[in-house]
Amino acid sequence: MKNRLKEFREKEGLTQEQLGELIGVSRQAINAIETEKYEPSIWIAYDIAKVFNCSIEEVFLFEESERKSRSQQSKGGI
């Protein structure tokens, strides 16, 4: 999942370690999220957005997936 985490973090002058401490995860976890190697849980995403006083959607970019969503699958794949 694409994100703007590094942009938001640098704008606030925070290191990966400082942001990790604010939300209770490691610096490595922040790095993995920034480099799109790890998709955070909804709770971590919420905590990150809260630090930057913005919505989750401003930090994490939910693009249309080529896979059918669960709701599309249950409707017969419209």
C-alpha atoms as a PDB file:
ATOM      1  CA  MET A   1       0.000   0.000   0.000  1.00  0.00           C
ATOM      2  CA  LYS A   2       1.400   3.355  -1.004  1.00  0.00           C
ATOM      3  CA  ASN A   3       1.809   5.962   1.706  1.00  0.00           C
ATOM      4  CA  ARG A   4       3.115   9.432   2.460  1.00  0.00           C
ATOM      5  CA  LEU A   5       4.473   8.539   5.890  1.00  0.00           C
ATOM      6  CA  LYS A   6       8.048   9.687   5.245  1.00  0.00           C
ATOM      7  CA  GLU A   7       6.778  13.011   3.888  1.00  0.00           C
ATOM      8  CA  PHE A   8       4.583  13.612   6.964  1.00  0.00           C
ATOM      9  CA  ARG A   9       7.311  12.472   9.370  1.00  0.00           C
ATOM     10  CA  GLU A  10      10.006  14.686   7.850  1.00  0.00           C
ATOM     11  CA  LYS A  11       7.644  17.668   7.723  1.00  0.00           C
ATOM     12  CA  GLU A  12       7.192  17.311  11.499  1.00  0.00           C
ATOM     13  CA  GLY A  13      10.930  16.876  12.013  1.00  0.00           C
ATOM     14  CA  LEU A  14      10.571  13.398  13.502  1.00  0.00           C
ATOM     15  CA  THR A  15      13.006  10.528  13.112  1.00  0.00           C
ATOM     16  CA  GLN A  16      11.721   7.016  12.475  1.00  0.00           C
ATOM     17  CA  GLU A  17      12.691   6.160  16.042  1.00  0.00           C
ATOM     18  CA  GLN A  18      10.804   9.135  17.511  1.00  0.00           C
ATOM     19  CA  LEU A  19       7.654   8.312  15.547  1.00  0.00           C
ATOM     20  CA  GLY A  20       7.939   4.674  16.584  1.00  0.00           C
ATOM     21  CA  GLU A  21       8.138   5.706  20.243  1.00  0.00           C
ATOM     22  CA  LEU A  22       5.052   7.909  19.867  1.00  0.00           C
ATOM     23  CA  ILE A  23       2.930   5.061  18.551  1.00  0.00           C
ATOM     24  CA  GLY A  24       4.575   2.137  20.336  1.00  0.00           C
ATOM     25  CA  VAL A  25       6.389   0.359  17.492  1.00  0.00           C
ATOM     26  CA  SER A  26      10.046  -0.045  16.562  1.00  0.00           C
ATOM     27  CA  ARG A  27      12.068   2.146  14.215  1.00  0.00           C
ATOM     28  CA  GLN A  28      12.308  -0.906  11.961  1.00  0.00           C
ATOM     29  CA  ALA A  29       8.503  -1.107  11.776  1.00  0.00           C
ATOM     30  CA  ILE A  30       8.303   2.546  10.713  1.00  0.00           C
ATOM     31  CA  ASN A  31      10.977   1.920   8.079  1.00  0.00           C
ATOM     32  CA  ALA A  32       9.109  -1.131   6.767  1.00  0.00           C
ATOM     33  CA  ILE A  33       5.872   0.866   6.492  1.00  0.00           C
ATOM     34  CA  GLU A  34       7.623   3.762   4.731  1.00  0.00           C
ATOM     35  CA  THR A  35       9.273   1.443   2.222  1.00  0.00           C
ATOM     36  CA  GLU A  36       5.977  -0.409   1.648  1.00  0.00           C
ATOM     37  CA  LYS A  37       7.374  -3.725   2.864  1.00  0.00           C
ATOM     38  CA  TYR A  38       4.743  -3.889   5.606  1.00  0.00           C
ATOM     39  CA  GLU A  39       1.109  -2.810   5.734  1.00  0.00           C
ATOM     40  CA  PRO A  40       0.197  -1.588   9.202  1.00  0.00           C
ATOM     41  CA  SER A  41      -2.863  -2.736  11.105  1.00  0.00           C
ATOM     42  CA  ILE A  42      -5.787  -0.339  11.179  1.00  0.00           C
ATOM     43  CA  TRP A  43      -4.842   0.541  14.762  1.00  0.00           C
ATOM     44  CA  ILE A  44      -1.272   1.483  13.860  1.00  0.00           C
ATOM     45  CA  ALA A  45      -2.514   3.460  10.854  1.00  0.00           C
ATOM     46  CA  TYR A  46      -4.976   5.271  13.145  1.00  0.00           C
ATOM     47  CA  ASP A  47      -2.230   6.098  15.665  1.00  0.00           C
ATOM     48  CA  ILE A  48       0.032   7.391  12.893  1.00  0.00           C
ATOM     49  CA  ALA A  49      -2.721   9.625  11.501  1.00  0.00           C
ATOM     50  CA  LYS A  50      -3.451  10.897  15.020  1.00  0.00           C
ATOM     51  CA  VAL A  51       0.204  11.950  15.482  1.00  0.00           C
ATOM     52  CA  PHE A  52      -0.060  14.064  12.327  1.00  0.00           C
ATOM     53  CA  ASN A  53      -3.584  15.305  13.129  1.00  0.00           C
ATOM     54  CA  CYS A  54      -4.979  14.071   9.828  1.00  0.00           C
ATOM     55  CA  SER A  55      -7.091  11.265   8.411  1.00  0.00           C
ATOM     56  CA  ILE A  56      -5.758   7.789   7.670  1.00  0.00           C
ATOM     57  CA  GLU A  57      -6.516   8.383   3.974  1.00  0.00           C
ATOM     58  CA  GLU A  58      -4.180  11.392   3.910  1.00  0.00           C
ATOM     59  CA  VAL A  59      -1.228   9.222   4.968  1.00  0.00           C
ATOM     60  CA  PHE A  60      -2.162   5.898   3.354  1.00  0.00           C
ATOM     61  CA  LEU A  61      -3.234   5.865  -0.282  1.00  0.00           C
ATOM     62  CA  PHE A  62      -5.868   3.227  -0.923  1.00  0.00           C
ATOM     63  CA  GLU A  63      -5.728   2.545  -4.632  1.00  0.00           C
ATOM     64  CA  GLU A  64      -8.173   0.421  -6.578  1.00  0.00           C
ATOM     65  CA  SER A  65      -7.028  -3.154  -6.381  1.00  0.00           C
ATOM     66  CA  GLU A  66      -7.129  -5.400  -9.425  1.00  0.00           C
ATOM     67  CA  ARG A  67      -8.421  -8.141  -7.163  1.00  0.00           C
ATOM     68  CA  LYS A  68     -12.134  -8.156  -6.578  1.00  0.00           C
ATOM     69  CA  SER A  69     -13.131  -6.964  -3.146  1.00  0.00           C
ATOM     70  CA  ARG A  70     -15.007  -9.304  -0.847  1.00  0.00           C
ATOM     71  CA  SER A  71     -18.224  -7.402  -1.456  1.00  0.00           C
ATOM     72  CA  GLN A  72     -17.799  -7.766  -5.232  1.00  0.00           C
ATOM     73  CA  GLN A  73     -17.093 -11.486  -4.873  1.00  0.00           C
ATOM     74  CA  SER A  74     -20.246 -12.033  -2.825  1.00  0.00           C
ATOM     75  CA  LYS A  75     -22.309 -10.186  -5.469  1.00  0.00           C
ATOM     76  CA  GLY A  76     -21.112 -12.493  -8.186  1.00  0.00           C
ATOM     77  CA  GLY A  77     -18.210 -10.347  -9.326  1.00  0.00           C
ATOM     78  CA  ILE A  78     -20.017  -7.503 -11.017  1.00  0.00           C
END
